[in-house]
Amino acid sequence: MDALTLFGLFAVTAMLVTYAFEDRSPWFVLLFAASCALGSAYGFLQGAWPFGLVEAIWAVVALRRWSIRPR
């Protein structure tokens, strides 16, 4: 497994874990946004620009949800 594949595995695993824990703390929503940004970077780096674009949109959506969520 090359470094890019490991990076992608880390990004999507982080997305899964942080999404599962979003109800526990608003910080998990922020971490989900960050992991979506990592997933977006992975998509663009591997040449799958539609995946990279969708993940970038998800990152923005998650940041918006974090910004309006009560702390």
Protein backbone atom coordinates (compact mmCIF):
# COMPACT_ATOMS: atom_id res chain seq x y z
CA MET A 1 0.00 0.00 0.00
CA ASP A 2 1.47 3.36 -0.99
CA ALA A 3 1.43 6.56 1.07
CA LEU A 4 -1.45 8.12 -0.87
CA THR A 5 -3.66 5.09 -0.28
CA LEU A 6 -2.84 5.14 3.44
CA PHE A 7 -3.69 8.84 3.55
CA GLY A 8 -7.04 8.13 1.89
CA LEU A 9 -7.74 5.28 4.30
CA PHE A 10 -7.00 7.55 7.23
CA ALA A 11 -9.23 10.32 5.85
CA VAL A 12 -12.29 8.16 5.23
CA THR A 13 -11.85 6.29 8.53
CA ALA A 14 -11.70 9.62 10.36
CA MET A 15 -14.85 10.72 8.52
CA LEU A 16 -16.68 7.57 9.61
CA VAL A 17 -15.62 7.78 13.25
CA THR A 18 -16.26 11.50 13.67
CA TYR A 19 -19.64 11.25 11.94
CA ALA A 20 -20.65 8.45 14.30
CA PHE A 21 -19.81 10.62 17.33
CA GLU A 22 -21.29 13.94 16.13
CA ASP A 23 -24.11 13.83 18.69
CA ARG A 24 -21.65 13.64 21.59
CA SER A 25 -19.95 17.00 21.07
CA PRO A 26 -19.86 19.87 18.59
CA TRP A 27 -16.12 19.27 18.34
CA PHE A 28 -16.82 16.02 16.51
CA VAL A 29 -18.72 18.06 13.90
CA LEU A 30 -15.63 20.23 13.47
CA LEU A 31 -13.42 17.15 13.24
CA PHE A 32 -15.82 15.72 10.67
CA ALA A 33 -15.38 18.89 8.61
CA ALA A 34 -11.61 18.54 8.86
CA SER A 35 -11.72 14.89 7.85
CA CYS A 36 -13.94 15.79 4.87
CA ALA A 37 -11.28 18.32 3.85
CA LEU A 38 -8.67 15.55 4.08
CA GLY A 39 -10.92 13.30 2.00
CA SER A 40 -11.24 16.09 -0.54
CA ALA A 41 -7.48 16.48 -0.74
CA TYR A 42 -7.15 12.73 -1.23
CA GLY A 43 -9.69 12.78 -4.05
CA PHE A 44 -7.90 15.55 -5.89
CA LEU A 45 -4.45 14.01 -5.30
CA GLN A 46 -5.47 10.66 -6.73
CA GLY A 47 -7.19 12.24 -9.72
CA ALA A 48 -10.81 11.61 -8.75
CA TRP A 49 -11.88 15.24 -8.91
CA PRO A 50 -15.66 14.53 -8.54
CA PHE A 51 -14.93 12.84 -5.19
CA GLY A 52 -12.66 15.71 -4.19
CA LEU A 53 -15.32 18.26 -5.10
CA VAL A 54 -18.12 16.51 -3.21
CA GLU A 55 -15.96 16.09 -0.12
CA ALA A 56 -15.04 19.79 -0.25
CA ILE A 57 -18.75 20.63 -0.29
CA TRP A 58 -19.34 18.30 2.66
CA ALA A 59 -16.55 20.07 4.55
CA VAL A 60 -18.26 23.43 4.02
CA VAL A 61 -21.64 22.00 5.06
CA ALA A 62 -20.13 20.51 8.22
CA LEU A 63 -18.38 23.79 9.07
CA ARG A 64 -21.70 25.57 8.72
CA ARG A 65 -23.40 23.02 10.99
CA TRP A 66 -20.62 23.46 13.55
CA SER A 67 -20.89 27.25 13.45
CA ILE A 68 -24.62 27.28 14.19
CA ARG A 69 -24.63 24.41 16.70
CA PRO A 70 -24.93 25.44 20.36
CA ARG A 71 -21.87 24.67 22.43
